[in-house]
Amino acid sequence: MPVMIFSSELIKGTLKTIVLKQLEANHRMYGYEITQRVKELTSDRIQITEGALYPTLHALEAEGLVTVETEFVGKRIRKYYSLSPKGKSKIDEKISEMAEFIETMKFLLDLRPQTL
């Protein structure tokens, strides 16, 4: 059975929380590393494009939830993202909000837990 890749439409509303959680778990990451880690953790079901990731990272930076450090890697500049103190205090709230949203969607769509 082929792996279902979730639509960018579904992912869009959850991307900030996904990115914040990855930064919490891994402390410091660059963009491509975030996309690959999410892809790996979800067995390719969530594939974040650069076109979705970087605006999200910039928005999180503008909100003060992430900090950015630049480093030279070879002849290129790589930006590393980390949770700011504000981001660290906000992550639990974002995850709780996401969990409640998921539970509400299960109820709204009349989904039953699947048994294997």
PDB file of N, CA and C in Angstrom:
ATOM      1  N   MET A   1       0.845  -1.188   0.000  1.00  0.00           N
ATOM      2  CA  MET A   1       0.000   0.000   0.000  1.00  0.00           C
ATOM      3  C   MET A   1       0.883   1.241   0.000  1.00  0.00           C
ATOM      4  N   PRO A   2       0.648   2.210  -0.907  1.00  0.00           N
ATOM      5  CA  PRO A   2       1.492   3.392  -0.965  1.00  0.00           C
ATOM      6  C   PRO A   2       1.310   4.271   0.277  1.00  0.00           C
ATOM      7  N   VAL A   3       2.344   4.991   0.616  1.00  0.00           N
ATOM      8  CA  VAL A   3       2.308   5.899   1.758  1.00  0.00           C
ATOM      9  C   VAL A   3       1.496   7.124   1.379  1.00  0.00           C
ATOM     10  N   MET A   4       0.545   7.499   2.227  1.00  0.00           N
ATOM     11  CA  MET A   4      -0.228   8.707   1.975  1.00  0.00           C
ATOM     12  C   MET A   4       0.600   9.912   2.410  1.00  0.00           C
ATOM     13  N   ILE A   5       0.811  10.820   1.492  1.00  0.00           N
ATOM     14  CA  ILE A   5       1.499  12.068   1.823  1.00  0.00           C
ATOM     15  C   ILE A   5       0.410  13.094   2.093  1.00  0.00           C
ATOM     16  N   PHE A   6       0.475  13.722   3.252  1.00  0.00           N
ATOM     17  CA  PHE A   6      -0.548  14.690   3.627  1.00  0.00           C
ATOM     18  C   PHE A   6      -0.424  15.944   2.773  1.00  0.00           C
ATOM     19  N   SER A   7      -1.554  16.533   2.442  1.00  0.00           N
ATOM     20  CA  SER A   7      -1.574  17.713   1.582  1.00  0.00           C
ATOM     21  C   SER A   7      -0.970  18.921   2.301  1.00  0.00           C
ATOM     22  N   SER A   8      -0.414  19.805   1.496  1.00  0.00           N
ATOM     23  CA  SER A   8       0.170  21.028   2.063  1.00  0.00           C
ATOM     24  C   SER A   8      -0.909  21.855   2.748  1.00  0.00           C
ATOM     25  N   GLU A   9      -2.141  21.714   2.303  1.00  0.00           N
ATOM     26  CA  GLU A   9      -3.265  22.415   2.915  1.00  0.00           C
ATOM     27  C   GLU A   9      -3.435  21.994   4.378  1.00  0.00           C
ATOM     28  N   LEU A  10      -3.332  20.692   4.653  1.00  0.00           N
ATOM     29  CA  LEU A  10      -3.437  20.203   6.035  1.00  0.00           C
ATOM     30  C   LEU A  10      -2.228  20.616   6.865  1.00  0.00           C
ATOM     31  N   ILE A  11      -1.071  20.546   6.279  1.00  0.00           N
ATOM     32  CA  ILE A  11       0.170  20.825   6.999  1.00  0.00           C
ATOM     33  C   ILE A  11       0.301  22.297   7.355  1.00  0.00           C
ATOM     34  N   LYS A  12      -0.200  23.167   6.495  1.00  0.00           N
ATOM     35  CA  LYS A  12      -0.021  24.607   6.667  1.00  0.00           C
ATOM     36  C   LYS A  12      -0.413  25.106   8.061  1.00  0.00           C
ATOM     37  N   GLY A  13      -1.549  24.667   8.561  1.00  0.00           N
ATOM     38  CA  GLY A  13      -2.019  25.129   9.863  1.00  0.00           C
ATOM     39  C   GLY A  13      -1.265  24.548  11.045  1.00  0.00           C
ATOM     40  N   THR A  14      -0.451  23.537  10.796  1.00  0.00           N
ATOM     41  CA  THR A  14       0.261  22.875  11.888  1.00  0.00           C
ATOM     42  C   THR A  14       1.771  23.131  11.851  1.00  0.00           C
ATOM     43  N   LEU A  15       2.221  23.820  10.824  1.00  0.00           N
ATOM     44  CA  LEU A  15       3.658  23.932  10.581  1.00  0.00           C
ATOM     45  C   LEU A  15       4.427  24.640  11.694  1.00  0.00           C
ATOM     46  N   LYS A  16       3.862  25.716  12.233  1.00  0.00           N
ATOM     47  CA  LYS A  16       4.573  26.415  13.314  1.00  0.00           C
ATOM     48  C   LYS A  16       4.794  25.479  14.503  1.00  0.00           C
ATOM     49  N   THR A  17       3.764  24.734  14.858  1.00  0.00           N
ATOM     50  CA  THR A  17       3.881  23.819  15.997  1.00  0.00           C
ATOM     51  C   THR A  17       4.886  22.713  15.692  1.00  0.00           C
ATOM     52  N   ILE A  18       4.860  22.180  14.480  1.00  0.00           N
ATOM     53  CA  ILE A  18       5.819  21.134  14.086  1.00  0.00           C
ATOM     54  C   ILE A  18       7.246  21.662  14.209  1.00  0.00           C
ATOM     55  N   VAL A  19       7.492  22.847  13.680  1.00  0.00           N
ATOM     56  CA  VAL A  19       8.845  23.429  13.703  1.00  0.00           C
ATOM     57  C   VAL A  19       9.280  23.702  15.135  1.00  0.00           C
ATOM     58  N   LEU A  20       8.411  24.293  15.930  1.00  0.00           N
ATOM     59  CA  LEU A  20       8.769  24.584  17.329  1.00  0.00           C
ATOM     60  C   LEU A  20       9.103  23.295  18.080  1.00  0.00           C
ATOM     61  N   LYS A  21       8.333  22.244  17.856  1.00  0.00           N
ATOM     62  CA  LYS A  21       8.583  20.967  18.536  1.00  0.00           C
ATOM     63  C   LYS A  21       9.925  20.381  18.113  1.00  0.00           C
ATOM     64  N   GLN A  22      10.259  20.477  16.836  1.00  0.00           N
ATOM     65  CA  GLN A  22      11.554  19.965  16.374  1.00  0.00           C
ATOM     66  C   GLN A  22      12.701  20.750  16.992  1.00  0.00           C
ATOM     67  N   LEU A  23      12.537  22.053  17.101  1.00  0.00           N
ATOM     68  CA  LEU A  23      13.586  22.869  17.722  1.00  0.00           C
ATOM     69  C   LEU A  23      13.702  22.569  19.217  1.00  0.00           C
ATOM     70  N   GLU A  24      12.575  22.285  19.855  1.00  0.00           N
ATOM     71  CA  GLU A  24      12.625  21.913  21.276  1.00  0.00           C
ATOM     72  C   GLU A  24      13.382  20.593  21.448  1.00  0.00           C
ATOM     73  N   ALA A  25      13.103  19.636  20.585  1.00  0.00           N
ATOM     74  CA  ALA A  25      13.713  18.310  20.694  1.00  0.00           C
ATOM     75  C   ALA A  25      15.185  18.302  20.286  1.00  0.00           C
ATOM     76  N   ASN A  26      15.545  19.141  19.332  1.00  0.00           N
ATOM     77  CA  ASN A  26      16.905  19.088  18.773  1.00  0.00           C
ATOM     78  C   ASN A  26      17.747  20.322  19.080  1.00  0.00           C
ATOM     79  N   HIS A  27      17.178  21.286  19.774  1.00  0.00           N
ATOM     80  CA  HIS A  27      17.849  22.492  20.255  1.00  0.00           C
ATOM     81  C   HIS A  27      18.266  23.484  19.176  1.00  0.00           C
ATOM     82  N   ARG A  28      18.902  23.037  18.110  1.00  0.00           N
ATOM     83  CA  ARG A  28      19.431  23.965  17.105  1.00  0.00           C
ATOM     84  C   ARG A  28      19.456  23.242  15.766  1.00  0.00           C
ATOM     85  N   MET A  29      18.756  23.803  14.787  1.00  0.00           N
ATOM     86  CA  MET A  29      18.663  23.134  13.493  1.00  0.00           C
ATOM     87  C   MET A  29      18.674  24.165  12.370  1.00  0.00           C
ATOM     88  N   TYR A  30      19.092  23.721  11.193  1.00  0.00           N
ATOM     89  CA  TYR A  30      18.968  24.567  10.005  1.00  0.00           C
ATOM     90  C   TYR A  30      17.796  24.039   9.185  1.00  0.00           C
ATOM     91  N   GLY A  31      17.323  24.853   8.254  1.00  0.00           N
ATOM     92  CA  GLY A  31      16.087  24.558   7.534  1.00  0.00           C
ATOM     93  C   GLY A  31      16.006  23.171   6.922  1.00  0.00           C
ATOM     94  N   TYR A  32      16.997  22.810   6.114  1.00  0.00           N
ATOM     95  CA  TYR A  32      16.962  21.514   5.438  1.00  0.00           C
ATOM     96  C   TYR A  32      16.923  20.379   6.459  1.00  0.00           C
ATOM     97  N   GLU A  33      17.641  20.557   7.544  1.00  0.00           N
ATOM     98  CA  GLU A  33      17.677  19.547   8.605  1.00  0.00           C
ATOM     99  C   GLU A  33      16.272  19.343   9.198  1.00  0.00           C
ATOM    100  N   ILE A  34      15.523  20.438   9.365  1.00  0.00           N
ATOM    101  CA  ILE A  34      14.161  20.343   9.888  1.00  0.00           C
ATOM    102  C   ILE A  34      13.292  19.539   8.924  1.00  0.00           C
ATOM    103  N   THR A  35      13.370  19.860   7.628  1.00  0.00           N
ATOM    104  CA  THR A  35      12.532  19.156   6.651  1.00  0.00           C
ATOM    105  C   THR A  35      12.855  17.670   6.623  1.00  0.00           C
ATOM    106  N   GLN A  36      14.128  17.335   6.686  1.00  0.00           N
ATOM    107  CA  GLN A  36      14.529  15.927   6.633  1.00  0.00           C
ATOM    108  C   GLN A  36      14.125  15.177   7.889  1.00  0.00           C
ATOM    109  N   ARG A  37      14.236  15.818   9.036  1.00  0.00           N
ATOM    110  CA  ARG A  37      13.872  15.175  10.303  1.00  0.00           C
ATOM    111  C   ARG A  37      12.369  14.879  10.339  1.00  0.00           C
ATOM    112  N   VAL A  38      11.570  15.831   9.905  1.00  0.00           N
ATOM    113  CA  VAL A  38      10.115  15.639   9.886  1.00  0.00           C
ATOM    114  C   VAL A  38       9.756  14.518   8.911  1.00  0.00           C
ATOM    115  N   LYS A  39      10.380  14.522   7.763  1.00  0.00           N
ATOM    116  CA  LYS A  39      10.143  13.482   6.760  1.00  0.00           C
ATOM    117  C   LYS A  39      10.488  12.104   7.335  1.00  0.00           C
ATOM    118  N   GLU A  40      11.616  12.033   8.016  1.00  0.00           N
ATOM    119  CA  GLU A  40      12.070  10.777   8.627  1.00  0.00           C
ATOM    120  C   GLU A  40      11.108  10.321   9.732  1.00  0.00           C
ATOM    121  N   LEU A  41      10.744  11.224  10.621  1.00  0.00           N
ATOM    122  CA  LEU A  41       9.870  10.878  11.747  1.00  0.00           C
ATOM    123  C   LEU A  41       8.481  10.428  11.301  1.00  0.00           C
ATOM    124  N   THR A  42       8.031  10.933  10.153  1.00  0.00           N
ATOM    125  CA  THR A  42       6.680  10.617   9.684  1.00  0.00           C
ATOM    126  C   THR A  42       6.680   9.589   8.554  1.00  0.00           C
ATOM    127  N   SER A  43       7.807   8.925   8.347  1.00  0.00           N
ATOM    128  CA  SER A  43       7.930   7.938   7.265  1.00  0.00           C
ATOM    129  C   SER A  43       7.473   8.522   5.930  1.00  0.00           C
ATOM    130  N   ASP A  44       7.919   9.734   5.657  1.00  0.00           N
ATOM    131  CA  ASP A  44       7.641  10.453   4.400  1.00  0.00           C
ATOM    132  C   ASP A  44       6.206  10.967   4.262  1.00  0.00           C
ATOM    133  N   ARG A  45       5.392  10.864   5.291  1.00  0.00           N
ATOM    134  CA  ARG A  45       3.994  11.304   5.173  1.00  0.00           C
ATOM    135  C   ARG A  45       3.870  12.819   5.232  1.00  0.00           C
ATOM    136  N   ILE A  46       4.794  13.461   5.931  1.00  0.00           N
ATOM    137  CA  ILE A  46       4.803  14.926   5.957  1.00  0.00           C
ATOM    138  C   ILE A  46       6.099  15.383   5.314  1.00  0.00           C
ATOM    139  N   GLN A  47       5.946  16.053   4.184  1.00  0.00           N
ATOM    140  CA  GLN A  47       7.090  16.572   3.448  1.00  0.00           C
ATOM    141  C   GLN A  47       6.938  18.088   3.370  1.00  0.00           C
ATOM    142  N   ILE A  48       7.806  18.773   4.084  1.00  0.00           N
ATOM    143  CA  ILE A  48       7.727  20.227   4.156  1.00  0.00           C
ATOM    144  C   ILE A  48       8.593  20.817   3.044  1.00  0.00           C
ATOM    145  N   THR A  49       7.992  21.663   2.233  1.00  0.00           N
ATOM    146  CA  THR A  49       8.741  22.306   1.157  1.00  0.00           C
ATOM    147  C   THR A  49       9.462  23.541   1.692  1.00  0.00           C
ATOM    148  N   GLU A  50      10.496  23.944   0.986  1.00  0.00           N
ATOM    149  CA  GLU A  50      11.209  25.171   1.362  1.00  0.00           C
ATOM    150  C   GLU A  50      10.260  26.362   1.298  1.00  0.00           C
ATOM    151  N   GLY A  51       9.359  26.338   0.306  1.00  0.00           N
ATOM    152  CA  GLY A  51       8.399  27.424   0.133  1.00  0.00           C
ATOM    153  C   GLY A  51       7.438  27.574   1.298  1.00  0.00           C
ATOM    154  N   ALA A  52       7.250  26.522   2.069  1.00  0.00           N
ATOM    155  CA  ALA A  52       6.408  26.577   3.266  1.00  0.00           C
ATOM    156  C   ALA A  52       7.256  26.813   4.511  1.00  0.00           C
ATOM    157  N   LEU A  53       8.434  26.189   4.557  1.00  0.00           N
ATOM    158  CA  LEU A  53       9.261  26.245   5.764  1.00  0.00           C
ATOM    159  C   LEU A  53       9.814  27.638   6.049  1.00  0.00           C
ATOM    160  N   TYR A  54      10.446  28.255   5.057  1.00  0.00           N
ATOM    161  CA  TYR A  54      11.141  29.509   5.338  1.00  0.00           C
ATOM    162  C   TYR A  54      10.215  30.662   5.721  1.00  0.00           C
ATOM    163  N   PRO A  55       9.058  30.809   5.089  1.00  0.00           N
ATOM    164  CA  PRO A  55       8.128  31.835   5.594  1.00  0.00           C
ATOM    165  C   PRO A  55       7.686  31.544   7.037  1.00  0.00           C
ATOM    166  N   THR A  56       7.542  30.267   7.371  1.00  0.00           N
ATOM    167  CA  THR A  56       7.168  29.887   8.743  1.00  0.00           C
ATOM    168  C   THR A  56       8.282  30.257   9.718  1.00  0.00           C
ATOM    169  N   LEU A  57       9.519  29.924   9.359  1.00  0.00           N
ATOM    170  CA  LEU A  57      10.660  30.279  10.223  1.00  0.00           C
ATOM    171  C   LEU A  57      10.767  31.798  10.390  1.00  0.00           C
ATOM    172  N   HIS A  58      10.559  32.537   9.307  1.00  0.00           N
ATOM    173  CA  HIS A  58      10.624  34.003   9.388  1.00  0.00           C
ATOM    174  C   HIS A  58       9.507  34.552  10.267  1.00  0.00           C
ATOM    175  N   ALA A  59       8.322  33.958  10.170  1.00  0.00           N
ATOM    176  CA  ALA A  59       7.199  34.382  11.015  1.00  0.00           C
ATOM    177  C   ALA A  59       7.488  34.085  12.489  1.00  0.00           C
ATOM    178  N   LEU A  60       8.043  32.903  12.761  1.00  0.00           N
ATOM    179  CA  LEU A  60       8.389  32.543  14.145  1.00  0.00           C
ATOM    180  C   LEU A  60       9.461  33.487  14.698  1.00  0.00           C
ATOM    181  N   GLU A  61      10.390  33.875  13.842  1.00  0.00           N
ATOM    182  CA  GLU A  61      11.434  34.828  14.255  1.00  0.00           C
ATOM    183  C   GLU A  61      10.799  36.190  14.547  1.00  0.00           C
ATOM    184  N   ALA A  62       9.894  36.645  13.674  1.00  0.00           N
ATOM    185  CA  ALA A  62       9.220  37.934  13.862  1.00  0.00           C
ATOM    186  C   ALA A  62       8.378  37.945  15.139  1.00  0.00           C
ATOM    187  N   GLU A  63       7.828  36.781  15.502  1.00  0.00           N
ATOM    188  CA  GLU A  63       7.030  36.657  16.730  1.00  0.00           C
ATOM    189  C   GLU A  63       7.917  36.531  17.970  1.00  0.00           C
ATOM    190  N   GLY A  64       9.220  36.426  17.747  1.00  0.00           N
ATOM    191  CA  GLY A  64      10.142  36.308  18.874  1.00  0.00           C
ATOM    192  C   GLY A  64      10.221  34.911  19.466  1.00  0.00           C
ATOM    193  N   LEU A  65       9.749  33.900  18.722  1.00  0.00           N
ATOM    194  CA  LEU A  65       9.735  32.533  19.249  1.00  0.00           C
ATOM    195  C   LEU A  65      10.997  31.750  18.899  1.00  0.00           C
ATOM    196  N   VAL A  66      11.720  32.197  17.873  1.00  0.00           N
ATOM    197  CA  VAL A  66      12.983  31.555  17.521  1.00  0.00           C
ATOM    198  C   VAL A  66      14.067  32.611  17.359  1.00  0.00           C
ATOM    199  N   THR A  67      15.289  32.173  17.560  1.00  0.00           N
ATOM    200  CA  THR A  67      16.449  33.026  17.305  1.00  0.00           C
ATOM    201  C   THR A  67      17.234  32.403  16.154  1.00  0.00           C
ATOM    202  N   VAL A  68      18.011  33.226  15.488  1.00  0.00           N
ATOM    203  CA  VAL A  68      18.765  32.782  14.320  1.00  0.00           C
ATOM    204  C   VAL A  68      20.236  33.111  14.512  1.00  0.00           C
ATOM    205  N   GLU A  69      21.075  32.127  14.213  1.00  0.00           N
ATOM    206  CA  GLU A  69      22.524  32.330  14.209  1.00  0.00           C
ATOM    207  C   GLU A  69      23.021  31.944  12.826  1.00  0.00           C
ATOM    208  N   THR A  70      23.957  32.695  12.295  1.00  0.00           N
ATOM    209  CA  THR A  70      24.528  32.321  10.998  1.00  0.00           C
ATOM    210  C   THR A  70      25.956  31.832  11.196  1.00  0.00           C
ATOM    211  N   GLU A  71      26.307  30.836  10.400  1.00  0.00           N
ATOM    212  CA  GLU A  71      27.661  30.264  10.436  1.00  0.00           C
ATOM    213  C   GLU A  71      28.102  30.000   9.015  1.00  0.00           C
ATOM    214  N   PHE A  72      29.395  30.151   8.783  1.00  0.00           N
ATOM    215  CA  PHE A  72      29.937  29.762   7.489  1.00  0.00           C
ATOM    216  C   PHE A  72      30.177  28.263   7.487  1.00  0.00           C
ATOM    217  N   VAL A  73      29.677  27.596   6.473  1.00  0.00           N
ATOM    218  CA  VAL A  73      29.921  26.170   6.272  1.00  0.00           C
ATOM    219  C   VAL A  73      30.526  26.087   4.873  1.00  0.00           C
ATOM    220  N   GLY A  74      31.835  25.876   4.827  1.00  0.00           N
ATOM    221  CA  GLY A  74      32.521  25.971   3.547  1.00  0.00           C
ATOM    222  C   GLY A  74      32.454  27.422   3.110  1.00  0.00           C
ATOM    223  N   LYS A  75      31.938  27.646   1.927  1.00  0.00           N
ATOM    224  CA  LYS A  75      31.819  29.021   1.426  1.00  0.00           C
ATOM    225  C   LYS A  75      30.388  29.545   1.529  1.00  0.00           C
ATOM    226  N   ARG A  76      29.532  28.762   2.170  1.00  0.00           N
ATOM    227  CA  ARG A  76      28.130  29.159   2.286  1.00  0.00           C
ATOM    228  C   ARG A  76      27.794  29.574   3.707  1.00  0.00           C
ATOM    229  N   ILE A  77      26.783  30.411   3.812  1.00  0.00           N
ATOM    230  CA  ILE A  77      26.281  30.798   5.132  1.00  0.00           C
ATOM    231  C   ILE A  77      25.086  29.902   5.442  1.00  0.00           C
ATOM    232  N   ARG A  78      25.098  29.301   6.618  1.00  0.00           N
ATOM    233  CA  ARG A  78      23.975  28.467   7.052  1.00  0.00           C
ATOM    234  C   ARG A  78      23.322  29.150   8.252  1.00  0.00           C
ATOM    235  N   LYS A  79      21.994  29.217   8.221  1.00  0.00           N
ATOM    236  CA  LYS A  79      21.251  29.799   9.346  1.00  0.00           C
ATOM    237  C   LYS A  79      20.761  28.679  10.242  1.00  0.00           C
ATOM    238  N   TYR A  80      21.094  28.794  11.510  1.00  0.00           N
ATOM    239  CA  TYR A  80      20.633  27.843  12.524  1.00  0.00           C
ATOM    240  C   TYR A  80      19.539  28.509  13.353  1.00  0.00           C
ATOM    241  N   TYR A  81      18.482  27.759  13.583  1.00  0.00           N
ATOM    242  CA  TYR A  81      17.342  28.256  14.343  1.00  0.00           C
ATOM    243  C   TYR A  81      17.272  27.541  15.687  1.00  0.00           C
ATOM    244  N   SER A  82      16.924  28.296  16.715  1.00  0.00           N
ATOM    245  CA  SER A  82      16.760  27.758  18.069  1.00  0.00           C
ATOM    246  C   SER A  82      15.535  28.406  18.693  1.00  0.00           C
ATOM    247  N   LEU A  83      14.976  27.741  19.694  1.00  0.00           N
ATOM    248  CA  LEU A  83      13.885  28.360  20.442  1.00  0.00           C
ATOM    249  C   LEU A  83      14.433  29.510  21.267  1.00  0.00           C
ATOM    250  N   SER A  84      13.731  30.612  21.269  1.00  0.00           N
ATOM    251  CA  SER A  84      14.072  31.726  22.154  1.00  0.00           C
ATOM    252  C   SER A  84      13.464  31.406  23.524  1.00  0.00           C
ATOM    253  N   PRO A  85      13.814  32.183  24.536  1.00  0.00           N
ATOM    254  CA  PRO A  85      13.145  31.965  25.837  1.00  0.00           C
ATOM    255  C   PRO A  85      11.620  32.061  25.707  1.00  0.00           C
ATOM    256  N   LYS A  86      11.132  33.003  24.899  1.00  0.00           N
ATOM    257  CA  LYS A  86       9.689  33.143  24.669  1.00  0.00           C
ATOM    258  C   LYS A  86       9.150  31.889  23.976  1.00  0.00           C
ATOM    259  N   GLY A  87       9.904  31.362  23.018  1.00  0.00           N
ATOM    260  CA  GLY A  87       9.497  30.146  22.304  1.00  0.00           C
ATOM    261  C   GLY A  87       9.429  28.951  23.236  1.00  0.00           C
ATOM    262  N   LYS A  88      10.397  28.860  24.159  1.00  0.00           N
ATOM    263  CA  LYS A  88      10.418  27.756  25.127  1.00  0.00           C
ATOM    264  C   LYS A  88       9.200  27.805  26.036  1.00  0.00           C
ATOM    265  N   SER A  89       8.764  29.014  26.384  1.00  0.00           N
ATOM    266  CA  SER A  89       7.592  29.124  27.256  1.00  0.00           C
ATOM    267  C   SER A  89       6.291  28.920  26.480  1.00  0.00           C
ATOM    268  N   LYS A  90       6.313  29.085  25.176  1.00  0.00           N
ATOM    269  CA  LYS A  90       5.110  28.995  24.341  1.00  0.00           C
ATOM    270  C   LYS A  90       4.856  27.588  23.789  1.00  0.00           C
ATOM    271  N   ILE A  91       5.889  26.744  23.724  1.00  0.00           N
ATOM    272  CA  ILE A  91       5.774  25.446  23.048  1.00  0.00           C
ATOM    273  C   ILE A  91       4.691  24.557  23.668  1.00  0.00           C
ATOM    274  N   ASP A  92       4.621  24.494  24.986  1.00  0.00           N
ATOM    275  CA  ASP A  92       3.611  23.645  25.631  1.00  0.00           C
ATOM    276  C   ASP A  92       2.197  24.109  25.292  1.00  0.00           C
ATOM    277  N   GLU A  93       2.014  25.420  25.248  1.00  0.00           N
ATOM    278  CA  GLU A  93       0.709  25.986  24.898  1.00  0.00           C
ATOM    279  C   GLU A  93       0.334  25.606  23.457  1.00  0.00           C
ATOM    280  N   LYS A  94       1.290  25.696  22.537  1.00  0.00           N
ATOM    281  CA  LYS A  94       1.031  25.352  21.130  1.00  0.00           C
ATOM    282  C   LYS A  94       0.695  23.865  20.983  1.00  0.00           C
ATOM    283  N   ILE A  95       1.400  23.012  21.713  1.00  0.00           N
ATOM    284  CA  ILE A  95       1.146  21.570  21.635  1.00  0.00           C
ATOM    285  C   ILE A  95      -0.211  21.239  22.233  1.00  0.00           C
ATOM    286  N   SER A  96      -0.554  21.856  23.353  1.00  0.00           N
ATOM    287  CA  SER A  96      -1.875  21.629  23.963  1.00  0.00           C
ATOM    288  C   SER A  96      -2.988  22.075  23.026  1.00  0.00           C
ATOM    289  N   GLU A  97      -2.776  23.215  22.390  1.00  0.00           N
ATOM    290  CA  GLU A  97      -3.775  23.718  21.438  1.00  0.00           C
ATOM    291  C   GLU A  97      -3.954  22.722  20.285  1.00  0.00           C
ATOM    292  N   MET A  98      -2.837  22.207  19.780  1.00  0.00           N
ATOM    293  CA  MET A  98      -2.887  21.244  18.678  1.00  0.00           C
ATOM    294  C   MET A  98      -3.600  19.963  19.117  1.00  0.00           C
ATOM    295  N   ALA A  99      -3.282  19.469  20.312  1.00  0.00           N
ATOM    296  CA  ALA A  99      -3.908  18.240  20.811  1.00  0.00           C
ATOM    297  C   ALA A  99      -5.420  18.423  20.957  1.00  0.00           C
ATOM    298  N   GLU A 100      -5.847  19.570  21.479  1.00  0.00           N
ATOM    299  CA  GLU A 100      -7.283  19.834  21.618  1.00  0.00           C
ATOM    300  C   GLU A 100      -7.949  19.937  20.257  1.00  0.00           C
ATOM    301  N   PHE A 101      -7.258  20.559  19.302  1.00  0.00           N
ATOM    302  CA  PHE A 101      -7.791  20.674  17.943  1.00  0.00           C
ATOM    303  C   PHE A 101      -7.990  19.286  17.337  1.00  0.00           C
ATOM    304  N   ILE A 102      -7.014  18.417  17.502  1.00  0.00           N
ATOM    305  CA  ILE A 102      -7.103  17.054  16.964  1.00  0.00           C
ATOM    306  C   ILE A 102      -8.283  16.314  17.592  1.00  0.00           C
ATOM    307  N   GLU A 103      -8.435  16.419  18.908  1.00  0.00           N
ATOM    308  CA  GLU A 103      -9.562  15.767  19.584  1.00  0.00           C
ATOM    309  C   GLU A 103     -10.894  16.319  19.089  1.00  0.00           C
ATOM    310  N   THR A 104     -10.963  17.622  18.884  1.00  0.00           N
ATOM    311  CA  THR A 104     -12.184  18.249  18.386  1.00  0.00           C
ATOM    312  C   THR A 104     -12.495  17.766  16.974  1.00  0.00           C
ATOM    313  N   MET A 105     -11.474  17.647  16.135  1.00  0.00           N
ATOM    314  CA  MET A 105     -11.674  17.165  14.767  1.00  0.00           C
ATOM    315  C   MET A 105     -12.150  15.705  14.773  1.00  0.00           C
ATOM    316  N   LYS A 106     -11.590  14.888  15.655  1.00  0.00           N
ATOM    317  CA  LYS A 106     -12.038  13.492  15.764  1.00  0.00           C
ATOM    318  C   LYS A 106     -13.531  13.446  16.092  1.00  0.00           C
ATOM    319  N   PHE A 107     -13.949  14.287  17.041  1.00  0.00           N
ATOM    320  CA  PHE A 107     -15.354  14.340  17.427  1.00  0.00           C
ATOM    321  C   PHE A 107     -16.203  14.857  16.274  1.00  0.00           C
ATOM    322  N   LEU A 108     -15.786  15.956  15.680  1.00  0.00           N
ATOM    323  CA  LEU A 108     -16.530  16.598  14.614  1.00  0.00           C
ATOM    324  C   LEU A 108     -16.717  15.684  13.411  1.00  0.00           C
ATOM    325  N   LEU A 109     -15.685  14.919  13.080  1.00  0.00           N
ATOM    326  CA  LEU A 109     -15.732  14.029  11.922  1.00  0.00           C
ATOM    327  C   LEU A 109     -16.238  12.626  12.270  1.00  0.00           C
ATOM    328  N   ASP A 110     -16.603  12.444  13.549  1.00  0.00           N
ATOM    329  CA  ASP A 110     -17.125  11.163  14.025  1.00  0.00           C
ATOM    330  C   ASP A 110     -16.146  10.027  13.754  1.00  0.00           C
ATOM    331  N   LEU A 111     -14.891  10.266  14.080  1.00  0.00           N
ATOM    332  CA  LEU A 111     -13.859   9.242  13.875  1.00  0.00           C
ATOM    333  C   LEU A 111     -13.738   8.371  15.115  1.00  0.00           C
ATOM    334  N   ARG A 112     -13.617   7.123  14.878  1.00  0.00           N
ATOM    335  CA  ARG A 112     -13.430   6.155  15.970  1.00  0.00           C
ATOM    336  C   ARG A 112     -11.976   5.720  15.979  1.00  0.00           C
ATOM    337  N   PRO A 113     -11.450   5.413  17.154  1.00  0.00           N
ATOM    338  CA  PRO A 113     -10.065   4.882  17.173  1.00  0.00           C
ATOM    339  C   PRO A 113      -9.982   3.611  16.331  1.00  0.00           C
ATOM    340  N   GLN A 114      -8.918   3.502  15.575  1.00  0.00           N
ATOM    341  CA  GLN A 114      -8.734   2.310  14.741  1.00  0.00           C
ATOM    342  C   GLN A 114      -8.098   1.216  15.567  1.00  0.00           C
ATOM    343  N   THR A 115      -8.553  -0.004  15.356  1.00  0.00           N
ATOM    344  CA  THR A 115      -7.934  -1.134  16.019  1.00  0.00           C
ATOM    345  C   THR A 115      -7.245  -1.971  14.957  1.00  0.00           C
ATOM    346  N   LEU A 116      -6.064  -2.434  15.304  1.00  0.00           N
ATOM    347  CA  LEU A 116      -5.284  -3.232  14.341  1.00  0.00           C
ATOM    348  C   LEU A 116      -5.587  -4.700  14.457  1.00  0.00           C
TER     349      LEU A 116
END
